[in-house]
Amino acid sequence: MNYQVTDKSTVHGLGTPHGYKTPHRMPVKTSTLAQLLQLSVDLYPTGRAFNLPEGGDYRKLHDAFNLSFLREINDNYAIIDSTFPDNPNFDADDANLWEYYLGLVTNPALTIEVRRQAILRKLSFRSNQKARQHYLYMQSQLQAAGFMVNVFENTAPYQTPADILGITPGATEHGGGTEHGGGTEHGGGNFDVIANEAVSEDFSIGGPENLWATFFIGGNTLGDIAFVDKSRESEFRELVLKLKPAHLVGYLFVQYV
């Protein structure tokens, strides 16, 4: 006959089998003085000497002990809630603190899930290493932070954004039907770039001999437009700036909506 798991099943039950398939109960948080008192009663012998009458000195002694235990339990849970962003009790105040510690942009308009995602990504990859300068690493980190973009190397024969789009820079800036985001400036030949600053910047790479030090960020294929939440523009640009090698310049095929 198979063992039937109930709410009272424990690994120490008299009829509980042992081995790989032994049922285990999830730990339960003790949250009240009554629960701690009941635990004390359960652990004491049943003799009259261990009776805990209401209002008695022995009961008062246990109430004092249990109050200290309960405070310690709640403090420990509060520390765990603030320390691990993947727990369900992680709240906006905890996110604010972690974003401050990790140097992330704080955006209260985002859901706690999105903010937690960015914090977990940063906690997993804190330091800069040469192995993390690969364009696919940059892409994976941007996507892990919730930005659905792709990163493309500029390989020989090197191309400008105008070559990829099949247009001239002048037509891009003021061409018919072209839309521009509020406050967006175009650098490096009238195309939006990320080079040295986390804000829109006017930057030129110089001549075509420097195209080897550029890369592209955009949609699913090279030249496609990727869409980024307008409220996360600063966060997006700052993350790219932190991820990319310092000498590289990123051309953006990105629209902020």
Foldseek 3Di string as FASTA:
>chain_A
DDDDDDPPDDQPDPPFDDDDPTDHDDDDQDADLVVQVVVVVVPDDPDPVPDQDPPDPNVVVSSVVSVVVNVVSVVVVVVVLLPQLPDPSNDLVSLVVLCVVLVADDDVVDDSVLSSQLSVLCVVPPDDDPVLQDQVNLQVSCVSSPFQKHKFAQDPVGDDLCVVVVHALVCQQDNPPHDDDPPAAAAQSRFFKQAADLDTDHDHQPDPVRSNQEIEMAHPDPNHHGEAAQSCSSRSSVSSCVRHDNSHMYTYSYDHD
